[in-house]
Amino acid sequence: MKVFISADMEGVAGVVHNEQTGRDGKEHDRARMLMTEEVNAAVEGALEAGAKEILVNDSHGTMRNLLPELLHEEAEYIIGTTKTLAMMEGIDESFDAAILLGYHARMGQDGILNHSYNGRIVNNIRINGVDYGEIGINAAIAGTYQVPVVLVTGCQYAGAEAKGLIPGIEAAEVKQTLTRYTAKNLTPGKSRKLIKQSVIQALEKRKEIKPYVIDGPYNVELTYVHSGYADAAEILPIVEKIDSVTHRFEADDFIQAFRYTISLVDIANAGV
């Protein structure tokens, strides 16, 4: 069995603030350690469930967060940017299951540190009339390769978002959101035990969980936080500006649609 793990940070137990998630934050190094140890717990669970290959993709921010010297020796890992598939870099049809670790709810919803790819830029992403965040879009990337996402870890709202999209998916609730910057957390030891056991359970039922697929063609609407970002990203000729803060475009291929979306976010970020 071959397992893919996409590791984010906002959904890690004990992480609740930008000073922990930001590269220059005062508590960032501690958050990196907490993230790495939750990844290790997932790796241990995957090994116990029978995995022979495990690939971890560092999926947060600069994507240079995992501490290699503390990472489980049985895992291979991808760190750094830029990545064509961003948070799902490395996924392909050879994997039997994918896990979204340390994830969070989409922008504008309840949930600790909620956002969609870039909280400073993105207000909403709508595909074929449905609003999506990182959980849904990344699951659909895996689904393009017929890989089921079997587990998400994070707060209760991340779990609910995943379950609303993917029937049968497991959710490990390592903390409960109280406000956007406050959560009731499991201790690191308890969170790791929960993650390990949840990985085992999820992988044992992996054949019962269908890959999440969004049928094409794809009509994508990207709404920015303010009009300046839309103005900057309008340089990409595929887009139609439908109002002061929203671009629309179409694509026949989901990976192409995703890459256009991330490119627009990057252009907006660079242009303002």
Protein backbone atom coordinates (compact mmCIF):
# COMPACT_ATOMS: atom_id res chain seq x y z
CA MET A 1 0.00 0.00 0.00
CA LYS A 2 1.22 3.48 -0.91
CA VAL A 3 0.00 6.51 1.10
CA PHE A 4 0.17 10.24 0.38
CA ILE A 5 0.06 12.78 3.24
CA SER A 6 -0.54 16.48 2.62
CA ALA A 7 0.54 18.28 5.80
CA ASP A 8 -0.77 21.74 6.65
CA MET A 9 -0.32 23.59 9.95
CA GLU A 10 -3.47 25.49 10.97
CA GLY A 11 -5.28 22.30 11.95
CA VAL A 12 -2.47 20.99 14.17
CA ALA A 13 -3.33 20.75 17.88
CA GLY A 14 -1.95 23.74 19.77
CA VAL A 15 -1.76 26.02 16.72
CA VAL A 16 -4.22 28.91 16.93
CA HIS A 17 -2.53 32.14 15.79
CA ASN A 18 -0.60 33.77 12.95
CA GLU A 19 2.44 34.10 15.21
CA GLN A 20 2.63 30.32 15.05
CA THR A 21 1.83 29.83 11.37
CA GLY A 22 3.83 32.75 9.94
CA ARG A 23 7.43 32.18 8.88
CA ASP A 24 8.69 35.06 11.02
CA GLY A 25 6.30 34.42 13.90
CA LYS A 26 7.62 34.23 17.43
CA GLU A 27 6.20 30.74 17.97
CA HIS A 28 6.73 29.33 14.49
CA ASP A 29 9.50 26.91 15.43
CA ARG A 30 7.34 25.31 18.12
CA ALA A 31 4.46 24.97 15.65
CA ARG A 32 6.83 23.29 13.18
CA MET A 33 7.69 20.74 15.84
CA LEU A 34 4.03 20.07 16.65
CA MET A 35 3.29 19.67 12.93
CA THR A 36 6.21 17.28 12.41
CA GLU A 37 5.18 15.09 15.33
CA GLU A 38 1.58 14.84 14.07
CA VAL A 39 2.97 13.80 10.69
CA ASN A 40 5.05 11.15 12.48
CA ALA A 41 1.93 9.84 14.19
CA ALA A 42 0.21 9.53 10.81
CA VAL A 43 3.25 7.74 9.38
CA GLU A 44 3.23 5.29 12.30
CA GLY A 45 -0.45 4.59 11.72
CA ALA A 46 0.08 4.06 8.00
CA LEU A 47 2.93 1.63 8.65
CA GLU A 48 0.84 -0.31 11.14
CA ALA A 49 -1.99 -0.46 8.60
CA GLY A 50 0.39 -2.03 6.07
CA ALA A 51 1.80 0.87 4.06
CA LYS A 52 5.06 0.14 2.28
CA GLU A 53 5.60 3.61 0.83
CA ILE A 54 4.65 6.94 2.42
CA LEU A 55 5.16 10.34 0.82
CA VAL A 56 4.65 13.51 2.86
CA ASN A 57 4.19 16.86 1.11
CA ASP A 58 4.87 19.93 3.26
CA SER A 59 1.82 22.01 2.35
CA HIS A 60 1.91 25.07 4.59
CA GLY A 61 3.03 28.57 3.65
CA THR A 62 6.58 28.49 2.34
CA MET A 63 6.32 24.69 2.41
CA ARG A 64 9.56 24.48 4.40
CA ASN A 65 8.13 23.62 7.80
CA LEU A 66 8.79 19.95 8.48
CA LEU A 67 11.84 19.30 10.62
CA PRO A 68 13.81 16.66 8.69
CA GLU A 69 15.88 15.56 11.68
CA LEU A 70 12.69 14.71 13.59
CA LEU A 71 10.73 13.20 10.70
CA HIS A 72 9.99 9.47 10.78
CA GLU A 73 12.71 7.67 8.84
CA GLU A 74 10.23 5.53 6.89
CA ALA A 75 8.68 8.57 5.19
CA GLU A 76 9.92 10.39 2.13
CA TYR A 77 9.07 14.08 2.01
CA ILE A 78 8.74 17.01 -0.37
CA ILE A 79 9.57 20.50 0.87
CA GLY A 80 9.97 23.85 -0.86
CA THR A 81 8.22 25.94 -3.50
CA THR A 82 7.14 26.39 -6.18
CA LYS A 83 5.08 23.27 -6.82
CA THR A 84 2.82 22.60 -9.78
CA LEU A 85 0.20 20.92 -7.61
CA ALA A 86 0.94 23.04 -4.52
CA MET A 87 -0.44 21.24 -1.47
CA MET A 88 -0.88 18.01 -3.45
CA GLU A 89 2.54 17.91 -5.10
CA GLY A 90 3.63 14.33 -5.66
CA ILE A 91 0.16 12.77 -5.89
CA ASP A 92 -0.43 10.41 -8.80
CA GLU A 93 -2.38 7.29 -9.70
CA SER A 94 0.11 5.00 -7.94
CA PHE A 95 -1.22 5.91 -4.47
CA ASP A 96 -3.88 3.87 -2.69
CA ALA A 97 -5.04 6.63 -0.33
CA ALA A 98 -4.43 10.24 0.67
CA ILE A 99 -4.58 11.95 4.06
CA LEU A 100 -5.08 15.68 4.69
CA LEU A 101 -3.34 16.42 7.99
CA GLY A 102 -3.55 19.67 9.95
CA TYR A 103 -6.24 21.12 7.67
CA HIS A 104 -8.78 23.88 8.28
CA ALA A 105 -12.16 25.11 7.08
CA ARG A 106 -12.51 27.33 4.03
CA MET A 107 -12.47 31.13 4.05
CA GLY A 108 -15.53 32.79 5.55
CA GLN A 109 -16.66 29.78 7.57
CA ASP A 110 -16.36 28.95 11.24
CA GLY A 111 -13.08 27.28 12.07
CA ILE A 112 -9.67 28.08 13.49
CA LEU A 113 -7.56 30.23 11.12
CA ASN A 114 -9.98 29.57 8.25
CA HIS A 115 -8.84 30.61 4.77
CA SER A 116 -8.55 29.31 1.21
CA TYR A 117 -4.96 29.06 -0.02
CA ASN A 118 -4.15 32.70 0.72
CA GLY A 119 -6.34 34.41 3.30
CA ARG A 120 -4.99 37.85 2.40
CA ILE A 121 -6.06 37.45 -1.24
CA VAL A 122 -8.92 34.98 -1.59
CA ASN A 123 -12.46 35.56 -0.40
CA ASN A 124 -14.08 32.61 -2.18
CA ILE A 125 -13.54 29.96 -4.84
CA ARG A 126 -16.63 28.64 -6.61
CA ILE A 127 -16.52 25.74 -9.04
CA ASN A 128 -19.64 24.83 -11.03
CA GLY A 129 -21.75 26.75 -8.53
CA VAL A 130 -20.30 25.16 -5.37
CA ASP A 131 -18.02 26.97 -2.91
CA TYR A 132 -14.78 25.15 -2.14
CA GLY A 133 -11.77 25.52 0.12
CA GLU A 134 -8.54 23.60 0.37
CA ILE A 135 -10.19 20.38 1.56
CA GLY A 136 -12.55 20.05 -1.40
CA ILE A 137 -10.16 21.23 -4.10
CA ASN A 138 -7.25 19.12 -2.86
CA ALA A 139 -9.51 16.08 -2.55
CA ALA A 140 -10.60 16.67 -6.14
CA ILE A 141 -6.97 16.82 -7.26
CA ALA A 142 -6.45 13.41 -5.66
CA GLY A 143 -9.70 12.26 -7.24
CA THR A 144 -8.41 13.22 -10.68
CA TYR A 145 -5.85 10.44 -10.16
CA GLN A 146 -8.52 8.12 -8.68
CA VAL A 147 -7.01 8.37 -5.21
CA PRO A 148 -9.50 8.59 -2.31
CA VAL A 149 -8.93 11.01 0.55
CA VAL A 150 -9.70 8.83 3.55
CA LEU A 151 -8.91 11.10 6.52
CA VAL A 152 -8.75 14.77 7.46
CA THR A 153 -7.35 16.01 10.78
CA GLY A 154 -8.05 19.40 12.32
CA CYS A 155 -10.89 21.12 14.15
CA GLN A 156 -14.55 20.11 14.15
CA TYR A 157 -15.38 22.42 11.25
CA ALA A 158 -12.67 20.97 9.03
CA GLY A 159 -14.07 17.53 9.74
CA ALA A 160 -17.62 18.65 8.97
CA GLU A 161 -16.52 20.25 5.70
CA ALA A 162 -14.78 17.04 4.62
CA LYS A 163 -17.72 14.83 5.61
CA GLY A 164 -20.09 17.09 3.67
CA LEU A 165 -18.15 16.32 0.50
CA ILE A 166 -16.79 12.79 0.91
CA PRO A 167 -19.10 10.04 2.24
CA GLY A 168 -17.36 7.72 4.66
CA ILE A 169 -14.26 9.87 5.23
CA GLU A 170 -12.73 9.68 8.71
CA ALA A 171 -12.08 12.88 10.69
CA ALA A 172 -9.69 13.20 13.62
CA GLU A 173 -10.79 16.16 15.75
CA VAL A 174 -7.64 17.29 17.56
CA LYS A 175 -9.17 20.58 18.65
CA GLN A 176 -12.47 22.43 18.89
CA THR A 177 -12.68 25.93 17.47
CA LEU A 178 -14.09 28.50 19.90
CA THR A 179 -13.28 31.58 17.80
CA ARG A 180 -11.07 32.14 14.74
CA TYR A 181 -8.02 32.48 17.00
CA THR A 182 -9.05 30.34 19.98
CA ALA A 183 -9.43 26.59 20.34
CA LYS A 184 -9.82 23.90 22.95
CA ASN A 185 -6.98 21.48 22.10
CA LEU A 186 -6.02 17.92 22.86
CA THR A 187 -2.55 17.68 24.37
CA PRO A 188 0.18 16.78 21.84
CA GLY A 189 0.37 13.23 23.15
CA LYS A 190 -3.37 12.66 22.90
CA SER A 191 -3.63 14.26 19.47
CA ARG A 192 -0.90 11.98 18.13
CA LYS A 193 -2.56 8.88 19.55
CA LEU A 194 -5.85 9.94 17.95
CA ILE A 195 -4.20 10.61 14.60
CA LYS A 196 -2.38 7.29 14.57
CA GLN A 197 -5.53 5.32 15.36
CA SER A 198 -7.60 7.35 12.88
CA VAL A 199 -5.08 6.67 10.11
CA ILE A 200 -5.28 2.93 10.82
CA GLN A 201 -9.09 3.00 10.75
CA ALA A 202 -9.21 5.13 7.61
CA LEU A 203 -6.76 2.98 5.67
CA GLU A 204 -8.54 -0.21 6.67
CA LYS A 205 -11.73 1.14 5.03
CA ARG A 206 -10.02 2.88 2.10
CA LYS A 207 -11.75 0.70 -0.51
CA GLU A 208 -15.13 1.84 0.80
CA ILE A 209 -14.36 5.53 0.21
CA LYS A 210 -14.71 6.72 -3.37
CA PRO A 211 -12.31 9.25 -4.89
CA TYR A 212 -13.83 12.73 -4.82
CA VAL A 213 -14.38 13.90 -8.39
CA ILE A 214 -15.83 17.20 -9.62
CA ASP A 215 -17.26 16.57 -13.07
CA GLY A 216 -16.22 18.93 -15.84
CA PRO A 217 -16.27 21.17 -17.71
CA TYR A 218 -15.27 23.63 -15.01
CA ASN A 219 -16.75 27.07 -14.52
CA VAL A 220 -14.57 28.76 -11.89
CA GLU A 221 -15.29 32.03 -10.09
CA LEU A 222 -12.50 33.47 -7.95
CA THR A 223 -13.49 36.30 -5.62
CA TYR A 224 -10.73 38.43 -4.12
CA VAL A 225 -10.67 40.28 -0.81
CA HIS A 226 -10.62 43.64 -2.60
CA SER A 227 -10.66 45.06 -6.13
CA GLY A 228 -6.92 45.80 -6.24
CA TYR A 229 -6.16 42.09 -6.37
CA ALA A 230 -8.68 41.60 -9.19
CA ASP A 231 -7.11 44.48 -11.10
CA ALA A 232 -3.64 42.94 -10.79
CA ALA A 233 -4.71 39.42 -11.77
CA GLU A 234 -6.71 40.59 -14.78
CA ILE A 235 -3.47 40.47 -16.77
CA LEU A 236 -4.06 36.72 -17.23
CA PRO A 237 -6.05 36.64 -20.51
CA ILE A 238 -8.24 33.64 -19.66
CA VAL A 239 -10.31 35.60 -17.14
CA GLU A 240 -13.54 37.49 -17.51
CA LYS A 241 -14.11 40.15 -14.86
CA ILE A 242 -17.71 39.79 -13.75
CA ASP A 243 -17.63 42.40 -10.99
CA SER A 244 -15.06 44.53 -9.18
CA VAL A 245 -13.70 41.65 -7.11
CA THR A 246 -14.54 38.50 -9.09
CA HIS A 247 -12.98 36.74 -12.07
CA ARG A 248 -14.54 33.90 -14.02
CA PHE A 249 -12.89 31.40 -16.37
CA GLU A 250 -13.60 27.99 -17.89
CA ALA A 251 -11.48 24.86 -18.28
CA ASP A 252 -12.04 21.31 -19.48
CA ASP A 253 -9.42 19.73 -17.22
CA PHE A 254 -9.53 19.98 -13.41
CA ILE A 255 -5.76 20.17 -12.93
CA GLN A 256 -5.66 22.96 -15.49
CA ALA A 257 -8.46 24.77 -13.65
CA PHE A 258 -6.55 24.45 -10.39
CA ARG A 259 -3.32 25.75 -11.90
CA TYR A 260 -5.13 28.75 -13.38
CA THR A 261 -6.66 29.47 -9.97
CA ILE A 262 -3.34 29.34 -8.12
CA SER A 263 -1.70 31.42 -10.86
CA LEU A 264 -4.33 34.13 -10.43
CA VAL A 265 -3.75 34.17 -6.67
CA ASP A 266 0.02 34.43 -7.17
CA ILE A 267 -0.34 37.23 -9.73
CA ALA A 268 -2.67 39.13 -7.42
CA ASN A 269 -0.27 38.69 -4.52
CA ALA A 270 2.69 39.91 -6.55
CA GLY A 271 0.84 42.80 -8.14
CA VAL A 272 -0.41 44.64 -5.07
